[in-house]
């Protein structure tokens, strides 16, 4: 049996605990680092739109003038996901 340490996707801390399961049955984890902004995360997302790298690409493409439908097509995600992520970024 091989044990693989789980690291937080935001702060790279290994102070992680299991935090239940998602509706699809995937393991959810929680970062116990008090300075970390991420509360819970899943290592294997079912939908590409949830990946932090894809969320960053959405804002990068918007800053470079890409339209919503173009961004959704290139990243293979829903236009609704693009709109919701841009709303979140504009309010923060």
N, C-alpha and C. Protein backbone atom coordinates (compact mmCIF):
# COMPACT_ATOMS: atom_id res chain seq x y z
N UNK A 1 0.84 -1.17 0.00
CA UNK A 1 0.00 0.00 0.00
C UNK A 1 0.89 1.24 0.00
N UNK A 2 0.59 2.18 -0.88
CA UNK A 2 1.36 3.41 -1.00
C UNK A 2 0.50 4.56 -0.50
N UNK A 3 1.04 5.33 0.44
CA UNK A 3 0.34 6.50 0.95
C UNK A 3 0.90 7.74 0.25
N UNK A 4 0.02 8.49 -0.36
CA UNK A 4 0.42 9.70 -1.07
C UNK A 4 -0.05 10.91 -0.27
N UNK A 5 0.86 11.79 0.16
CA UNK A 5 0.43 12.95 0.95
C UNK A 5 -0.39 13.92 0.09
N UNK A 6 -1.42 14.47 0.68
CA UNK A 6 -2.29 15.42 0.00
C UNK A 6 -1.84 16.81 0.40
N UNK A 7 -1.65 17.69 -0.60
CA UNK A 7 -1.26 19.07 -0.35
C UNK A 7 -2.40 19.99 -0.73
N UNK A 8 -2.50 21.09 0.01
CA UNK A 8 -3.50 22.11 -0.32
C UNK A 8 -3.15 22.73 -1.67
N UNK A 9 -4.15 22.98 -2.48
CA UNK A 9 -3.93 23.55 -3.80
C UNK A 9 -3.54 25.02 -3.74
N UNK A 10 -3.82 25.69 -2.63
CA UNK A 10 -3.53 27.11 -2.51
C UNK A 10 -2.21 27.38 -1.80
N UNK A 11 -2.04 26.81 -0.61
CA UNK A 11 -0.87 27.14 0.22
C UNK A 11 0.18 26.03 0.28
N UNK A 12 -0.03 24.91 -0.37
CA UNK A 12 0.89 23.76 -0.38
C UNK A 12 1.14 23.16 1.00
N UNK A 13 0.26 23.40 1.93
CA UNK A 13 0.38 22.82 3.27
C UNK A 13 -0.01 21.35 3.22
N UNK A 14 0.60 20.54 4.08
CA UNK A 14 0.21 19.14 4.18
C UNK A 14 -0.66 18.90 5.41
N UNK A 15 -1.08 19.98 6.05
CA UNK A 15 -1.97 19.90 7.21
C UNK A 15 -3.42 19.80 6.71
N UNK A 16 -3.76 18.64 6.16
CA UNK A 16 -5.03 18.40 5.48
C UNK A 16 -5.79 17.29 6.21
N UNK A 17 -7.12 17.45 6.28
CA UNK A 17 -7.96 16.39 6.83
C UNK A 17 -9.06 16.06 5.83
N UNK A 18 -9.62 14.86 5.93
CA UNK A 18 -10.76 14.50 5.09
C UNK A 18 -11.96 15.28 5.58
N UNK A 19 -12.82 15.68 4.62
CA UNK A 19 -13.95 16.55 4.95
C UNK A 19 -15.22 16.09 4.24
N UNK A 20 -15.49 14.79 4.28
CA UNK A 20 -16.72 14.26 3.69
C UNK A 20 -16.55 13.89 2.23
N UNK A 21 -17.68 13.68 1.57
CA UNK A 21 -17.68 13.29 0.16
C UNK A 21 -18.63 14.20 -0.61
N UNK A 22 -18.38 14.34 -1.90
CA UNK A 22 -19.26 15.13 -2.76
C UNK A 22 -20.46 14.28 -3.16
N UNK A 23 -21.39 14.88 -3.88
CA UNK A 23 -22.57 14.16 -4.35
C UNK A 23 -22.19 13.03 -5.31
N UNK A 24 -21.07 13.21 -6.03
CA UNK A 24 -20.60 12.18 -6.96
C UNK A 24 -19.79 11.09 -6.25
N UNK A 25 -19.54 11.23 -4.94
CA UNK A 25 -18.81 10.25 -4.19
C UNK A 25 -17.31 10.48 -4.13
N UNK A 26 -16.85 11.64 -4.57
CA UNK A 26 -15.42 11.95 -4.53
C UNK A 26 -15.05 12.49 -3.15
N UNK A 27 -13.83 12.22 -2.72
CA UNK A 27 -13.36 12.64 -1.41
C UNK A 27 -13.13 14.14 -1.38
N UNK A 28 -13.64 14.79 -0.36
CA UNK A 28 -13.45 16.22 -0.14
C UNK A 28 -12.43 16.38 0.99
N UNK A 29 -11.53 17.37 0.87
CA UNK A 29 -10.50 17.62 1.86
C UNK A 29 -10.63 19.05 2.40
N UNK A 30 -10.07 19.27 3.59
CA UNK A 30 -10.11 20.59 4.22
C UNK A 30 -8.70 20.96 4.65
N UNK A 31 -8.28 22.19 4.34
CA UNK A 31 -6.97 22.68 4.75
C UNK A 31 -7.10 23.26 6.16
N UNK A 32 -6.20 22.85 7.05
CA UNK A 32 -6.25 23.30 8.44
C UNK A 32 -5.29 24.46 8.72
N UNK A 33 -4.64 24.97 7.69
CA UNK A 33 -3.75 26.11 7.83
C UNK A 33 -4.61 27.36 8.04
N UNK A 34 -4.39 28.09 9.12
CA UNK A 34 -5.25 29.23 9.46
C UNK A 34 -5.09 30.39 8.48
N UNK A 35 -3.94 30.52 7.81
CA UNK A 35 -3.74 31.62 6.85
C UNK A 35 -4.26 31.29 5.45
N UNK A 36 -4.63 30.06 5.22
CA UNK A 36 -5.07 29.63 3.89
C UNK A 36 -6.48 30.14 3.60
N UNK A 37 -6.71 30.60 2.38
CA UNK A 37 -8.02 31.11 1.99
C UNK A 37 -8.95 30.01 1.51
N UNK A 38 -8.41 28.84 1.18
CA UNK A 38 -9.23 27.74 0.69
C UNK A 38 -9.74 26.93 1.86
N UNK A 39 -11.05 26.72 1.91
CA UNK A 39 -11.63 25.98 3.02
C UNK A 39 -11.70 24.49 2.72
N UNK A 40 -12.31 24.13 1.61
CA UNK A 40 -12.37 22.72 1.24
C UNK A 40 -12.09 22.59 -0.25
N UNK A 41 -11.63 21.41 -0.65
CA UNK A 41 -11.31 21.19 -2.06
C UNK A 41 -11.39 19.70 -2.38
N UNK A 42 -11.46 19.42 -3.67
CA UNK A 42 -11.51 18.06 -4.20
C UNK A 42 -10.31 17.93 -5.13
N UNK A 43 -9.64 16.81 -5.10
CA UNK A 43 -8.47 16.62 -5.96
C UNK A 43 -8.85 16.31 -7.40
N UNK A 44 -9.93 15.56 -7.61
CA UNK A 44 -10.34 15.14 -8.94
C UNK A 44 -11.72 15.70 -9.26
N UNK A 45 -11.77 16.87 -9.89
CA UNK A 45 -13.05 17.47 -10.22
C UNK A 45 -13.70 16.78 -11.41
N UNK A 46 -15.03 16.70 -11.41
CA UNK A 46 -15.77 16.09 -12.51
C UNK A 46 -15.90 17.05 -13.69
N UNK A 47 -15.93 18.34 -13.41
CA UNK A 47 -16.17 19.37 -14.43
C UNK A 47 -14.96 20.28 -14.50
N UNK A 48 -14.45 20.52 -15.71
CA UNK A 48 -13.25 21.34 -15.90
C UNK A 48 -13.40 22.76 -15.36
N UNK A 49 -14.61 23.29 -15.34
CA UNK A 49 -14.83 24.66 -14.90
C UNK A 49 -14.49 24.90 -13.44
N UNK A 50 -14.38 23.85 -12.65
CA UNK A 50 -14.05 23.99 -11.23
C UNK A 50 -12.55 24.08 -10.97
N UNK A 51 -11.74 23.74 -11.94
CA UNK A 51 -10.30 23.73 -11.74
C UNK A 51 -9.76 25.15 -11.56
N UNK A 52 -8.90 25.37 -10.58
CA UNK A 52 -8.33 26.70 -10.36
C UNK A 52 -7.59 27.24 -11.59
N UNK A 53 -6.91 26.38 -12.33
CA UNK A 53 -6.18 26.83 -13.52
C UNK A 53 -7.14 27.34 -14.60
N UNK A 54 -8.28 26.70 -14.75
CA UNK A 54 -9.27 27.13 -15.74
C UNK A 54 -9.88 28.46 -15.31
N UNK A 55 -10.13 28.63 -14.02
CA UNK A 55 -10.66 29.90 -13.52
C UNK A 55 -9.69 31.04 -13.80
N UNK A 56 -8.40 30.79 -13.65
CA UNK A 56 -7.40 31.81 -13.95
C UNK A 56 -7.38 32.11 -15.44
N UNK A 57 -7.52 31.10 -16.28
CA UNK A 57 -7.54 31.30 -17.73
C UNK A 57 -8.75 32.13 -18.15
N UNK A 58 -9.88 31.97 -17.46
CA UNK A 58 -11.07 32.75 -17.78
C UNK A 58 -10.78 34.23 -17.61
N UNK A 59 -10.19 34.60 -16.46
CA UNK A 59 -9.92 36.02 -16.23
C UNK A 59 -8.82 36.53 -17.16
N UNK A 60 -7.82 35.70 -17.47
CA UNK A 60 -6.76 36.12 -18.40
C UNK A 60 -7.33 36.39 -19.79
N UNK A 61 -8.21 35.50 -20.24
CA UNK A 61 -8.80 35.68 -21.57
C UNK A 61 -9.71 36.90 -21.61
N UNK A 62 -10.42 37.17 -20.51
CA UNK A 62 -11.28 38.35 -20.46
C UNK A 62 -10.45 39.63 -20.52
N UNK A 63 -9.31 39.63 -19.84
CA UNK A 63 -8.43 40.80 -19.86
C UNK A 63 -7.82 41.03 -21.24
N UNK A 64 -7.70 39.98 -22.03
CA UNK A 64 -7.15 40.09 -23.38
C UNK A 64 -8.23 40.33 -24.43
N UNK A 65 -9.47 40.51 -24.01
CA UNK A 65 -10.54 40.88 -24.92
C UNK A 65 -11.31 39.73 -25.54
N UNK A 66 -11.16 38.53 -25.04
CA UNK A 66 -11.93 37.40 -25.58
C UNK A 66 -13.38 37.51 -25.12
N UNK A 67 -14.29 37.16 -26.01
CA UNK A 67 -15.70 37.18 -25.66
C UNK A 67 -16.07 35.95 -24.85
N UNK A 68 -17.23 35.99 -24.23
CA UNK A 68 -17.68 34.92 -23.34
C UNK A 68 -17.81 33.60 -24.09
N UNK A 69 -18.46 33.62 -25.24
CA UNK A 69 -18.67 32.38 -25.98
C UNK A 69 -17.36 31.82 -26.52
N UNK A 70 -16.44 32.71 -26.93
CA UNK A 70 -15.13 32.25 -27.40
C UNK A 70 -14.35 31.58 -26.27
N UNK A 71 -14.38 32.21 -25.10
CA UNK A 71 -13.69 31.67 -23.94
C UNK A 71 -14.25 30.29 -23.58
N UNK A 72 -15.58 30.18 -23.56
CA UNK A 72 -16.22 28.91 -23.23
C UNK A 72 -15.85 27.82 -24.25
N UNK A 73 -15.82 28.19 -25.51
CA UNK A 73 -15.50 27.21 -26.56
C UNK A 73 -14.06 26.73 -26.44
N UNK A 74 -13.13 27.65 -26.25
CA UNK A 74 -11.71 27.29 -26.17
C UNK A 74 -11.42 26.43 -24.94
N UNK A 75 -12.03 26.79 -23.79
CA UNK A 75 -11.77 26.06 -22.55
C UNK A 75 -12.65 24.83 -22.37
N UNK A 76 -13.61 24.63 -23.28
CA UNK A 76 -14.54 23.49 -23.25
C UNK A 76 -15.36 23.46 -21.96
N UNK A 77 -15.92 24.64 -21.64
CA UNK A 77 -16.80 24.77 -20.48
C UNK A 77 -18.04 25.55 -20.90
N UNK A 78 -18.99 25.67 -20.00
CA UNK A 78 -20.24 26.36 -20.30
C UNK A 78 -20.06 27.88 -20.28
N UNK A 79 -20.77 28.60 -21.16
CA UNK A 79 -20.73 30.07 -21.09
C UNK A 79 -21.24 30.60 -19.75
N UNK A 80 -22.16 29.87 -19.14
CA UNK A 80 -22.67 30.28 -17.83
C UNK A 80 -21.56 30.24 -16.79
N UNK A 81 -20.68 29.26 -16.87
CA UNK A 81 -19.55 29.18 -15.95
C UNK A 81 -18.63 30.38 -16.14
N UNK A 82 -18.40 30.77 -17.38
CA UNK A 82 -17.56 31.93 -17.66
C UNK A 82 -18.18 33.19 -17.07
N UNK A 83 -19.47 33.38 -17.27
CA UNK A 83 -20.16 34.56 -16.76
C UNK A 83 -20.10 34.61 -15.24
N UNK A 84 -20.38 33.49 -14.59
CA UNK A 84 -20.38 33.45 -13.12
C UNK A 84 -18.99 33.72 -12.56
N UNK A 85 -17.96 33.20 -13.19
CA UNK A 85 -16.59 33.44 -12.71
C UNK A 85 -16.21 34.91 -12.89
N UNK A 86 -16.62 35.51 -14.00
CA UNK A 86 -16.31 36.92 -14.21
C UNK A 86 -17.06 37.81 -13.23
N UNK A 87 -18.27 37.41 -12.86
CA UNK A 87 -19.03 38.15 -11.83
C UNK A 87 -18.31 38.10 -10.50
N UNK A 88 -17.80 36.91 -10.13
CA UNK A 88 -17.07 36.75 -8.89
C UNK A 88 -15.81 37.60 -8.87
N UNK A 89 -15.09 37.63 -9.99
CA UNK A 89 -13.84 38.38 -10.06
C UNK A 89 -14.09 39.88 -10.02
N UNK A 90 -15.20 40.34 -10.60
CA UNK A 90 -15.45 41.78 -10.64
C UNK A 90 -15.92 42.31 -9.29
N UNK A 91 -16.56 41.47 -8.48
CA UNK A 91 -17.05 41.93 -7.16
C UNK A 91 -15.96 41.91 -6.09
N UNK A 92 -14.84 41.19 -6.33
CA UNK A 92 -13.80 41.14 -5.29
C UNK A 92 -12.77 42.22 -5.45
